[in-house]
Amino acid sequence: MPPKIEPLERARPLKSILKAQLDYRSPGSDSRAGNTGAGVEQLLTPKEAAQRLRVSLSWLAKARMRGDGPPYVKLGRAIRYSWDGLVEWMKSRQRLSTSDR
């Protein structure tokens, strides 16, 4: 189970959020977070992705519909996110100034 998010932790910088997520590994996973020992990346449910991104589930659903959210995979009716995709999406959203677009 991912570490519990305390209210004061929500303002942590991206680097510390990524480090906390990379430090969390489920039993049987290899050295890369989110990957299983078989070399196949573990996919996250929308609820898990929202928790790790620290956004609401409804924001994630709206971002999918707008097309500006993190990349996802649709398997039948199920929506799944890869951890690597979430990390890349977060990195692409980093800004140095409020005037950056």
PDB file of N, CA and C in Angstrom:
ATOM      1  N   MET A   1       0.840  -1.180   0.000  1.00  0.00           N
ATOM      2  CA  MET A   1       0.000   0.000   0.000  1.00  0.00           C
ATOM      3  C   MET A   1       0.881   1.238   0.000  1.00  0.00           C
ATOM      4  N   PRO A   2       0.604   2.230  -0.892  1.00  0.00           N
ATOM      5  CA  PRO A   2       1.419   3.438  -0.951  1.00  0.00           C
ATOM      6  C   PRO A   2       1.386   4.177   0.385  1.00  0.00           C
ATOM      7  N   PRO A   3       2.428   4.962   0.654  1.00  0.00           N
ATOM      8  CA  PRO A   3       2.459   5.715   1.899  1.00  0.00           C
ATOM      9  C   PRO A   3       1.270   6.659   1.993  1.00  0.00           C
ATOM     10  N   LYS A   4       0.757   6.836   3.222  1.00  0.00           N
ATOM     11  CA  LYS A   4      -0.386   7.718   3.446  1.00  0.00           C
ATOM     12  C   LYS A   4       0.032   9.161   3.195  1.00  0.00           C
ATOM     13  N   ILE A   5      -0.828   9.929   2.544  1.00  0.00           N
ATOM     14  CA  ILE A   5      -0.531  11.316   2.221  1.00  0.00           C
ATOM     15  C   ILE A   5      -1.111  12.192   3.326  1.00  0.00           C
ATOM     16  N   GLU A   6      -0.256  12.857   4.045  1.00  0.00           N
ATOM     17  CA  GLU A   6      -0.681  13.788   5.079  1.00  0.00           C
ATOM     18  C   GLU A   6      -1.012  15.127   4.421  1.00  0.00           C
ATOM     19  N   PRO A   7      -1.952  15.904   4.988  1.00  0.00           N
ATOM     20  CA  PRO A   7      -2.329  17.183   4.367  1.00  0.00           C
ATOM     21  C   PRO A   7      -1.155  18.127   4.141  1.00  0.00           C
ATOM     22  N   LEU A   8      -0.191  18.176   5.054  1.00  0.00           N
ATOM     23  CA  LEU A   8       0.932  19.084   4.896  1.00  0.00           C
ATOM     24  C   LEU A   8       1.903  18.633   3.819  1.00  0.00           C
ATOM     25  N   GLU A   9       1.849  17.367   3.423  1.00  0.00           N
ATOM     26  CA  GLU A   9       2.760  16.851   2.418  1.00  0.00           C
ATOM     27  C   GLU A   9       2.364  17.249   0.998  1.00  0.00           C
ATOM     28  N   ARG A  10       1.184  17.751   0.809  1.00  0.00           N
ATOM     29  CA  ARG A  10       0.697  18.056  -0.528  1.00  0.00           C
ATOM     30  C   ARG A  10       1.533  19.132  -1.222  1.00  0.00           C
ATOM     31  N   ALA A  11       2.223  19.960  -0.462  1.00  0.00           N
ATOM     32  CA  ALA A  11       3.003  21.045  -1.036  1.00  0.00           C
ATOM     33  C   ALA A  11       4.451  20.640  -1.302  1.00  0.00           C
ATOM     34  N   ARG A  12       4.781  19.363  -1.154  1.00  0.00           N
ATOM     35  CA  ARG A  12       6.156  18.925  -1.382  1.00  0.00           C
ATOM     36  C   ARG A  12       6.533  19.107  -2.841  1.00  0.00           C
ATOM     37  N   PRO A  13       7.816  19.400  -3.098  1.00  0.00           N
ATOM     38  CA  PRO A  13       8.256  19.533  -4.492  1.00  0.00           C
ATOM     39  C   PRO A  13       8.202  18.198  -5.227  1.00  0.00           C
ATOM     40  N   LEU A  14       8.145  18.279  -6.540  1.00  0.00           N
ATOM     41  CA  LEU A  14       8.028  17.096  -7.389  1.00  0.00           C
ATOM     42  C   LEU A  14       9.142  16.095  -7.115  1.00  0.00           C
ATOM     43  N   LYS A  15      10.359  16.578  -6.902  1.00  0.00           N
ATOM     44  CA  LYS A  15      11.493  15.683  -6.676  1.00  0.00           C
ATOM     45  C   LYS A  15      11.259  14.792  -5.454  1.00  0.00           C
ATOM     46  N   SER A  16      10.734  15.358  -4.351  1.00  0.00           N
ATOM     47  CA  SER A  16      10.505  14.546  -3.154  1.00  0.00           C
ATOM     48  C   SER A  16       9.320  13.606  -3.340  1.00  0.00           C
ATOM     49  N   ILE A  17       8.322  14.004  -4.118  1.00  0.00           N
ATOM     50  CA  ILE A  17       7.182  13.124  -4.393  1.00  0.00           C
ATOM     51  C   ILE A  17       7.658  11.914  -5.194  1.00  0.00           C
ATOM     52  N   LEU A  18       8.473  12.171  -6.222  1.00  0.00           N
ATOM     53  CA  LEU A  18       8.984  11.080  -7.045  1.00  0.00           C
ATOM     54  C   LEU A  18       9.866  10.149  -6.231  1.00  0.00           C
ATOM     55  N   LYS A  19      10.704  10.712  -5.348  1.00  0.00           N
ATOM     56  CA  LYS A  19      11.578   9.884  -4.530  1.00  0.00           C
ATOM     57  C   LYS A  19      10.749   8.995  -3.608  1.00  0.00           C
ATOM     58  N   ALA A  20       9.697   9.549  -3.009  1.00  0.00           N
ATOM     59  CA  ALA A  20       8.845   8.758  -2.118  1.00  0.00           C
ATOM     60  C   ALA A  20       8.168   7.627  -2.886  1.00  0.00           C
ATOM     61  N   GLN A  21       7.734   7.908  -4.115  1.00  0.00           N
ATOM     62  CA  GLN A  21       7.071   6.880  -4.905  1.00  0.00           C
ATOM     63  C   GLN A  21       8.060   5.821  -5.374  1.00  0.00           C
ATOM     64  N   LEU A  22       9.277   6.227  -5.715  1.00  0.00           N
ATOM     65  CA  LEU A  22      10.272   5.266  -6.160  1.00  0.00           C
ATOM     66  C   LEU A  22      10.773   4.406  -5.004  1.00  0.00           C
ATOM     67  N   ASP A  23      10.739   4.968  -3.779  1.00  0.00           N
ATOM     68  CA  ASP A  23      11.151   4.195  -2.605  1.00  0.00           C
ATOM     69  C   ASP A  23      10.130   3.122  -2.269  1.00  0.00           C
ATOM     70  N   TYR A  24       8.858   3.339  -2.642  1.00  0.00           N
ATOM     71  CA  TYR A  24       7.810   2.361  -2.374  1.00  0.00           C
ATOM     72  C   TYR A  24       7.850   1.286  -3.452  1.00  0.00           C
ATOM     73  N   ARG A  25       8.028   0.070  -3.032  1.00  0.00           N
ATOM     74  CA  ARG A  25       8.021  -1.062  -3.966  1.00  0.00           C
ATOM     75  C   ARG A  25       7.181  -2.171  -3.370  1.00  0.00           C
ATOM     76  N   SER A  26       6.372  -2.770  -4.197  1.00  0.00           N
ATOM     77  CA  SER A  26       5.580  -3.902  -3.737  1.00  0.00           C
ATOM     78  C   SER A  26       6.462  -5.141  -3.687  1.00  0.00           C
ATOM     79  N   PRO A  27       6.108  -6.128  -2.846  1.00  0.00           N
ATOM     80  CA  PRO A  27       6.919  -7.339  -2.778  1.00  0.00           C
ATOM     81  C   PRO A  27       7.018  -8.008  -4.144  1.00  0.00           C
ATOM     82  N   GLY A  28       8.216  -8.462  -4.481  1.00  0.00           N
ATOM     83  CA  GLY A  28       8.418  -9.165  -5.742  1.00  0.00           C
ATOM     84  C   GLY A  28       8.744  -8.264  -6.905  1.00  0.00           C
ATOM     85  N   SER A  29       8.844  -6.952  -6.673  1.00  0.00           N
ATOM     86  CA  SER A  29       9.174  -6.066  -7.791  1.00  0.00           C
ATOM     87  C   SER A  29      10.682  -5.942  -7.910  1.00  0.00           C
ATOM     88  N   ASP A  30      11.160  -5.611  -9.111  1.00  0.00           N
ATOM     89  CA  ASP A  30      12.593  -5.464  -9.295  1.00  0.00           C
ATOM     90  C   ASP A  30      13.027  -4.064  -8.873  1.00  0.00           C
ATOM     91  N   SER A  31      14.231  -3.666  -9.224  1.00  0.00           N
ATOM     92  CA  SER A  31      14.777  -2.403  -8.745  1.00  0.00           C
ATOM     93  C   SER A  31      14.078  -1.187  -9.343  1.00  0.00           C
ATOM     94  N   ARG A  32      13.349  -1.335 -10.423  1.00  0.00           N
ATOM     95  CA  ARG A  32      12.625  -0.216 -11.016  1.00  0.00           C
ATOM     96  C   ARG A  32      11.214  -0.182 -10.456  1.00  0.00           C
ATOM     97  N   ALA A  33      10.826   0.948  -9.878  1.00  0.00           N
ATOM     98  CA  ALA A  33       9.500   1.064  -9.275  1.00  0.00           C
ATOM     99  C   ALA A  33       8.416   0.864 -10.322  1.00  0.00           C
ATOM    100  N   GLY A  34       7.372   0.146  -9.950  1.00  0.00           N
ATOM    101  CA  GLY A  34       6.253  -0.060 -10.857  1.00  0.00           C
ATOM    102  C   GLY A  34       6.444  -1.204 -11.815  1.00  0.00           C
ATOM    103  N   ASN A  35       7.556  -1.906 -11.778  1.00  0.00           N
ATOM    104  CA  ASN A  35       7.800  -3.016 -12.689  1.00  0.00           C
ATOM    105  C   ASN A  35       7.784  -4.325 -11.929  1.00  0.00           C
ATOM    106  N   THR A  36       7.298  -5.346 -12.558  1.00  0.00           N
ATOM    107  CA  THR A  36       7.312  -6.669 -11.951  1.00  0.00           C
ATOM    108  C   THR A  36       8.601  -7.365 -12.326  1.00  0.00           C
ATOM    109  N   GLY A  37       8.896  -8.472 -11.679  1.00  0.00           N
ATOM    110  CA  GLY A  37      10.116  -9.205 -11.972  1.00  0.00           C
ATOM    111  C   GLY A  37      10.144  -9.757 -13.382  1.00  0.00           C
ATOM    112  N   ALA A  38       9.007  -9.880 -14.048  1.00  0.00           N
ATOM    113  CA  ALA A  38       8.936 -10.446 -15.386  1.00  0.00           C
ATOM    114  C   ALA A  38       9.278  -9.427 -16.468  1.00  0.00           C
ATOM    115  N   GLY A  39       9.627  -8.191 -16.084  1.00  0.00           N
ATOM    116  CA  GLY A  39       9.973  -7.171 -17.064  1.00  0.00           C
ATOM    117  C   GLY A  39       8.755  -6.494 -17.670  1.00  0.00           C
ATOM    118  N   VAL A  40       7.575  -6.732 -17.131  1.00  0.00           N
ATOM    119  CA  VAL A  40       6.353  -6.103 -17.609  1.00  0.00           C
ATOM    120  C   VAL A  40       5.943  -5.048 -16.597  1.00  0.00           C
ATOM    121  N   GLU A  41       5.688  -3.847 -17.084  1.00  0.00           N
ATOM    122  CA  GLU A  41       5.341  -2.750 -16.192  1.00  0.00           C
ATOM    123  C   GLU A  41       3.961  -2.959 -15.582  1.00  0.00           C
ATOM    124  N   GLN A  42       3.873  -2.721 -14.277  1.00  0.00           N
ATOM    125  CA  GLN A  42       2.598  -2.837 -13.573  1.00  0.00           C
ATOM    126  C   GLN A  42       1.758  -1.601 -13.881  1.00  0.00           C
ATOM    127  N   LEU A  43       0.509  -1.805 -14.216  1.00  0.00           N
ATOM    128  CA  LEU A  43      -0.381  -0.697 -14.543  1.00  0.00           C
ATOM    129  C   LEU A  43      -1.187  -0.300 -13.315  1.00  0.00           C
ATOM    130  N   LEU A  44      -1.457   0.992 -13.192  1.00  0.00           N
ATOM    131  CA  LEU A  44      -2.187   1.540 -12.055  1.00  0.00           C
ATOM    132  C   LEU A  44      -3.630   1.822 -12.448  1.00  0.00           C
ATOM    133  N   THR A  45      -4.539   1.633 -11.511  1.00  0.00           N
ATOM    134  CA  THR A  45      -5.930   2.012 -11.722  1.00  0.00           C
ATOM    135  C   THR A  45      -6.030   3.533 -11.655  1.00  0.00           C
ATOM    136  N   PRO A  46      -7.126   4.114 -12.142  1.00  0.00           N
ATOM    137  CA  PRO A  46      -7.283   5.563 -12.019  1.00  0.00           C
ATOM    138  C   PRO A  46      -7.215   6.045 -10.562  1.00  0.00           C
ATOM    139  N   LYS A  47      -7.761   5.274  -9.648  1.00  0.00           N
ATOM    140  CA  LYS A  47      -7.722   5.656  -8.229  1.00  0.00           C
ATOM    141  C   LYS A  47      -6.282   5.700  -7.725  1.00  0.00           C
ATOM    142  N   GLU A  48      -5.489   4.690  -8.079  1.00  0.00           N
ATOM    143  CA  GLU A  48      -4.083   4.660  -7.659  1.00  0.00           C
ATOM    144  C   GLU A  48      -3.299   5.799  -8.299  1.00  0.00           C
ATOM    145  N   ALA A  49      -3.557   6.064  -9.574  1.00  0.00           N
ATOM    146  CA  ALA A  49      -2.865   7.150 -10.273  1.00  0.00           C
ATOM    147  C   ALA A  49      -3.219   8.497  -9.640  1.00  0.00           C
ATOM    148  N   ALA A  50      -4.489   8.711  -9.316  1.00  0.00           N
ATOM    149  CA  ALA A  50      -4.917   9.961  -8.691  1.00  0.00           C
ATOM    150  C   ALA A  50      -4.243  10.141  -7.334  1.00  0.00           C
ATOM    151  N   GLN A  51      -4.143   9.065  -6.570  1.00  0.00           N
ATOM    152  CA  GLN A  51      -3.484   9.147  -5.263  1.00  0.00           C
ATOM    153  C   GLN A  51      -2.017   9.510  -5.419  1.00  0.00           C
ATOM    154  N   ARG A  52      -1.345   8.905  -6.370  1.00  0.00           N
ATOM    155  CA  ARG A  52       0.086   9.164  -6.559  1.00  0.00           C
ATOM    156  C   ARG A  52       0.347  10.553  -7.125  1.00  0.00           C
ATOM    157  N   LEU A  53      -0.569  11.051  -7.959  1.00  0.00           N
ATOM    158  CA  LEU A  53      -0.431  12.407  -8.501  1.00  0.00           C
ATOM    159  C   LEU A  53      -0.937  13.463  -7.528  1.00  0.00           C
ATOM    160  N   ARG A  54      -1.655  13.019  -6.503  1.00  0.00           N
ATOM    161  CA  ARG A  54      -2.270  13.905  -5.507  1.00  0.00           C
ATOM    162  C   ARG A  54      -3.287  14.851  -6.154  1.00  0.00           C
ATOM    163  N   VAL A  55      -4.124  14.255  -6.992  1.00  0.00           N
ATOM    164  CA  VAL A  55      -5.249  14.964  -7.607  1.00  0.00           C
ATOM    165  C   VAL A  55      -6.498  14.132  -7.348  1.00  0.00           C
ATOM    166  N   SER A  56      -7.647  14.722  -7.559  1.00  0.00           N
ATOM    167  CA  SER A  56      -8.885  13.973  -7.345  1.00  0.00           C
ATOM    168  C   SER A  56      -9.151  13.035  -8.524  1.00  0.00           C
ATOM    169  N   LEU A  57      -9.922  12.024  -8.254  1.00  0.00           N
ATOM    170  CA  LEU A  57     -10.303  11.069  -9.288  1.00  0.00           C
ATOM    171  C   LEU A  57     -11.112  11.763 -10.378  1.00  0.00           C
ATOM    172  N   SER A  58     -11.953  12.717  -9.990  1.00  0.00           N
ATOM    173  CA  SER A  58     -12.762  13.425 -10.990  1.00  0.00           C
ATOM    174  C   SER A  58     -11.889  14.334 -11.857  1.00  0.00           C
ATOM    175  N   TRP A  59     -10.835  14.949 -11.287  1.00  0.00           N
ATOM    176  CA  TRP A  59      -9.933  15.760 -12.096  1.00  0.00           C
ATOM    177  C   TRP A  59      -9.253  14.891 -13.149  1.00  0.00           C
ATOM    178  N   LEU A  60      -8.839  13.698 -12.733  1.00  0.00           N
ATOM    179  CA  LEU A  60      -8.166  12.789 -13.653  1.00  0.00           C
ATOM    180  C   LEU A  60      -9.104  12.384 -14.795  1.00  0.00           C
ATOM    181  N   ALA A  61     -10.364  12.107 -14.470  1.00  0.00           N
ATOM    182  CA  ALA A  61     -11.346  11.733 -15.492  1.00  0.00           C
ATOM    183  C   ALA A  61     -11.594  12.901 -16.454  1.00  0.00           C
ATOM    184  N   LYS A  62     -11.704  14.119 -15.917  1.00  0.00           N
ATOM    185  CA  LYS A  62     -11.924  15.293 -16.772  1.00  0.00           C
ATOM    186  C   LYS A  62     -10.710  15.565 -17.654  1.00  0.00           C
ATOM    187  N   ALA A  63      -9.517  15.365 -17.107  1.00  0.00           N
ATOM    188  CA  ALA A  63      -8.295  15.570 -17.890  1.00  0.00           C
ATOM    189  C   ALA A  63      -8.220  14.562 -19.036  1.00  0.00           C
ATOM    190  N   ARG A  64      -8.692  13.332 -18.793  1.00  0.00           N
ATOM    191  CA  ARG A  64      -8.737  12.330 -19.871  1.00  0.00           C
ATOM    192  C   ARG A  64      -9.658  12.798 -20.980  1.00  0.00           C
ATOM    193  N   MET A  65     -10.818  13.325 -20.598  1.00  0.00           N
ATOM    194  CA  MET A  65     -11.793  13.767 -21.603  1.00  0.00           C
ATOM    195  C   MET A  65     -11.291  14.992 -22.380  1.00  0.00           C
ATOM    196  N   ARG A  66     -10.588  15.899 -21.682  1.00  0.00           N
ATOM    197  CA  ARG A  66     -10.036  17.087 -22.351  1.00  0.00           C
ATOM    198  C   ARG A  66      -8.830  16.737 -23.206  1.00  0.00           C
ATOM    199  N   GLY A  67      -8.147  15.647 -22.852  1.00  0.00           N
ATOM    200  CA  GLY A  67      -6.959  15.244 -23.587  1.00  0.00           C
ATOM    201  C   GLY A  67      -5.681  15.876 -23.090  1.00  0.00           C
ATOM    202  N   ASP A  68      -5.712  16.515 -21.913  1.00  0.00           N
ATOM    203  CA  ASP A  68      -4.498  17.152 -21.397  1.00  0.00           C
ATOM    204  C   ASP A  68      -3.952  16.465 -20.147  1.00  0.00           C
ATOM    205  N   GLY A  69      -4.456  15.292 -19.843  1.00  0.00           N
ATOM    206  CA  GLY A  69      -3.984  14.552 -18.679  1.00  0.00           C
ATOM    207  C   GLY A  69      -2.862  13.606 -19.027  1.00  0.00           C
ATOM    208  N   PRO A  70      -2.467  12.805 -18.052  1.00  0.00           N
ATOM    209  CA  PRO A  70      -1.392  11.841 -18.311  1.00  0.00           C
ATOM    210  C   PRO A  70      -1.828  10.771 -19.306  1.00  0.00           C
ATOM    211  N   PRO A  71      -0.873  10.166 -20.013  1.00  0.00           N
ATOM    212  CA  PRO A  71      -1.228   9.113 -20.975  1.00  0.00           C
ATOM    213  C   PRO A  71      -1.812   7.899 -20.251  1.00  0.00           C
ATOM    214  N   TYR A  72      -2.755   7.247 -20.901  1.00  0.00           N
ATOM    215  CA  TYR A  72      -3.399   6.077 -20.304  1.00  0.00           C
ATOM    216  C   TYR A  72      -3.592   4.996 -21.346  1.00  0.00           C
ATOM    217  N   VAL A  73      -3.928   3.814 -20.854  1.00  0.00           N
ATOM    218  CA  VAL A  73      -4.194   2.668 -21.720  1.00  0.00           C
ATOM    219  C   VAL A  73      -5.626   2.243 -21.451  1.00  0.00           C
ATOM    220  N   LYS A  74      -6.360   1.926 -22.496  1.00  0.00           N
ATOM    221  CA  LYS A  74      -7.723   1.445 -22.329  1.00  0.00           C
ATOM    222  C   LYS A  74      -7.754  -0.024 -22.731  1.00  0.00           C
ATOM    223  N   LEU A  75      -8.073  -0.876 -21.779  1.00  0.00           N
ATOM    224  CA  LEU A  75      -8.163  -2.318 -21.996  1.00  0.00           C
ATOM    225  C   LEU A  75      -9.630  -2.705 -21.838  1.00  0.00           C
ATOM    226  N   GLY A  76     -10.314  -2.860 -22.944  1.00  0.00           N
ATOM    227  CA  GLY A  76     -11.756  -3.065 -22.861  1.00  0.00           C
ATOM    228  C   GLY A  76     -12.384  -1.792 -22.323  1.00  0.00           C
ATOM    229  N   ARG A  77     -13.031  -1.890 -21.163  1.00  0.00           N
ATOM    230  CA  ARG A  77     -13.601  -0.715 -20.516  1.00  0.00           C
ATOM    231  C   ARG A  77     -12.703  -0.161 -19.421  1.00  0.00           C
ATOM    232  N   ALA A  78     -11.640  -0.883 -19.100  1.00  0.00           N
ATOM    233  CA  ALA A  78     -10.763  -0.502 -17.997  1.00  0.00           C
ATOM    234  C   ALA A  78      -9.720   0.522 -18.452  1.00  0.00           C
ATOM    235  N   ILE A  79      -9.525   1.543 -17.625  1.00  0.00           N
ATOM    236  CA  ILE A  79      -8.509   2.562 -17.846  1.00  0.00           C
ATOM    237  C   ILE A  79      -7.340   2.243 -16.925  1.00  0.00           C
ATOM    238  N   ARG A  80      -6.125   2.276 -17.457  1.00  0.00           N
ATOM    239  CA  ARG A  80      -4.928   2.008 -16.663  1.00  0.00           C
ATOM    240  C   ARG A  80      -3.843   3.021 -17.023  1.00  0.00           C
ATOM    241  N   TYR A  81      -2.987   3.306 -16.044  1.00  0.00           N
ATOM    242  CA  TYR A  81      -1.873   4.239 -16.209  1.00  0.00           C
ATOM    243  C   TYR A  81      -0.577   3.530 -15.882  1.00  0.00           C
ATOM    244  N   SER A  82       0.484   3.839 -16.630  1.00  0.00           N
ATOM    245  CA  SER A  82       1.807   3.307 -16.293  1.00  0.00           C
ATOM    246  C   SER A  82       2.504   4.344 -15.421  1.00  0.00           C
ATOM    247  N   TRP A  83       3.306   3.866 -14.457  1.00  0.00           N
ATOM    248  CA  TRP A  83       4.022   4.789 -13.588  1.00  0.00           C
ATOM    249  C   TRP A  83       5.006   5.616 -14.407  1.00  0.00           C
ATOM    250  N   ASP A  84       5.686   5.000 -15.349  1.00  0.00           N
ATOM    251  CA  ASP A  84       6.642   5.736 -16.185  1.00  0.00           C
ATOM    252  C   ASP A  84       5.942   6.848 -16.970  1.00  0.00           C
ATOM    253  N   GLY A  85       4.741   6.558 -17.455  1.00  0.00           N
ATOM    254  CA  GLY A  85       3.967   7.569 -18.177  1.00  0.00           C
ATOM    255  C   GLY A  85       3.579   8.728 -17.273  1.00  0.00           C
ATOM    256  N   LEU A  86       3.212   8.428 -16.026  1.00  0.00           N
ATOM    257  CA  LEU A  86       2.856   9.483 -15.072  1.00  0.00           C
ATOM    258  C   LEU A  86       4.065  10.362 -14.762  1.00  0.00           C
ATOM    259  N   VAL A  87       5.231   9.739 -14.575  1.00  0.00           N
ATOM    260  CA  VAL A  87       6.448  10.490 -14.272  1.00  0.00           C
ATOM    261  C   VAL A  87       6.805  11.407 -15.437  1.00  0.00           C
ATOM    262  N   GLU A  88       6.772  10.880 -16.646  1.00  0.00           N
ATOM    263  CA  GLU A  88       7.089  11.695 -17.823  1.00  0.00           C
ATOM    264  C   GLU A  88       6.105  12.851 -17.976  1.00  0.00           C
ATOM    265  N   TRP A  89       4.823  12.586 -17.729  1.00  0.00           N
ATOM    266  CA  TRP A  89       3.809  13.633 -17.830  1.00  0.00           C
ATOM    267  C   TRP A  89       4.061  14.714 -16.783  1.00  0.00           C
ATOM    268  N   MET A  90       4.391  14.299 -15.549  1.00  0.00           N
ATOM    269  CA  MET A  90       4.680  15.290 -14.499  1.00  0.00           C
ATOM    270  C   MET A  90       5.895  16.128 -14.880  1.00  0.00           C
ATOM    271  N   LYS A  91       6.933  15.482 -15.409  1.00  0.00           N
ATOM    272  CA  LYS A  91       8.131  16.223 -15.813  1.00  0.00           C
ATOM    273  C   LYS A  91       7.812  17.225 -16.916  1.00  0.00           C
ATOM    274  N   SER A  92       6.927  16.854 -17.828  1.00  0.00           N
ATOM    275  CA  SER A  92       6.581  17.761 -18.923  1.00  0.00           C
ATOM    276  C   SER A  92       5.764  18.952 -18.436  1.00  0.00           C
ATOM    277  N   ARG A  93       5.182  18.848 -17.247  1.00  0.00           N
ATOM    278  CA  ARG A  93       4.364  19.923 -16.696  1.00  0.00           C
ATOM    279  C   ARG A  93       5.155  20.854 -15.782  1.00  0.00           C
ATOM    280  N   GLN A  94       6.423  20.568 -15.521  1.00  0.00           N
ATOM    281  CA  GLN A  94       7.221  21.410 -14.629  1.00  0.00           C
ATOM    282  C   GLN A  94       7.434  22.780 -15.242  1.00  0.00           C
ATOM    283  N   ARG A  95       7.363  23.787 -14.401  1.00  0.00           N
ATOM    284  CA  ARG A  95       7.553  25.172 -14.837  1.00  0.00           C
ATOM    285  C   ARG A  95       8.530  25.858 -13.895  1.00  0.00           C
ATOM    286  N   LEU A  96       9.246  26.845 -14.410  1.00  0.00           N
ATOM    287  CA  LEU A  96      10.179  27.624 -13.602  1.00  0.00           C
ATOM    288  C   LEU A  96       9.596  28.970 -13.208  1.00  0.00           C
ATOM    289  N   SER A  97       8.541  29.386 -13.879  1.00  0.00           N
ATOM    290  CA  SER A  97       7.941  30.691 -13.623  1.00  0.00           C
ATOM    291  C   SER A  97       6.443  30.606 -13.896  1.00  0.00           C
ATOM    292  N   THR A  98       5.699  31.489 -13.266  1.00  0.00           N
ATOM    293  CA  THR A  98       4.249  31.513 -13.526  1.00  0.00           C
ATOM    294  C   THR A  98       3.941  32.019 -14.927  1.00  0.00           C
ATOM    295  N   SER A  99       4.921  32.664 -15.583  1.00  0.00           N
ATOM    296  CA  SER A  99       4.708  33.136 -16.948  1.00  0.00           C
ATOM    297  C   SER A  99       4.983  32.053 -17.990  1.00  0.00           C
ATOM    298  N   ASP A 100       5.572  30.911 -17.575  1.00  0.00           N
ATOM    299  CA  ASP A 100       5.804  29.805 -18.500  1.00  0.00           C
ATOM    300  C   ASP A 100       4.477  29.216 -18.928  1.00  0.00           C
ATOM    301  N   ARG A 101       4.402  28.778 -20.191  1.00  0.00           N
ATOM    302  CA  ARG A 101       3.168  28.171 -20.666  1.00  0.00           C
ATOM    303  C   ARG A 101       3.361  26.728 -20.877  1.00  0.00           C
TER     304      ARG A 101
END
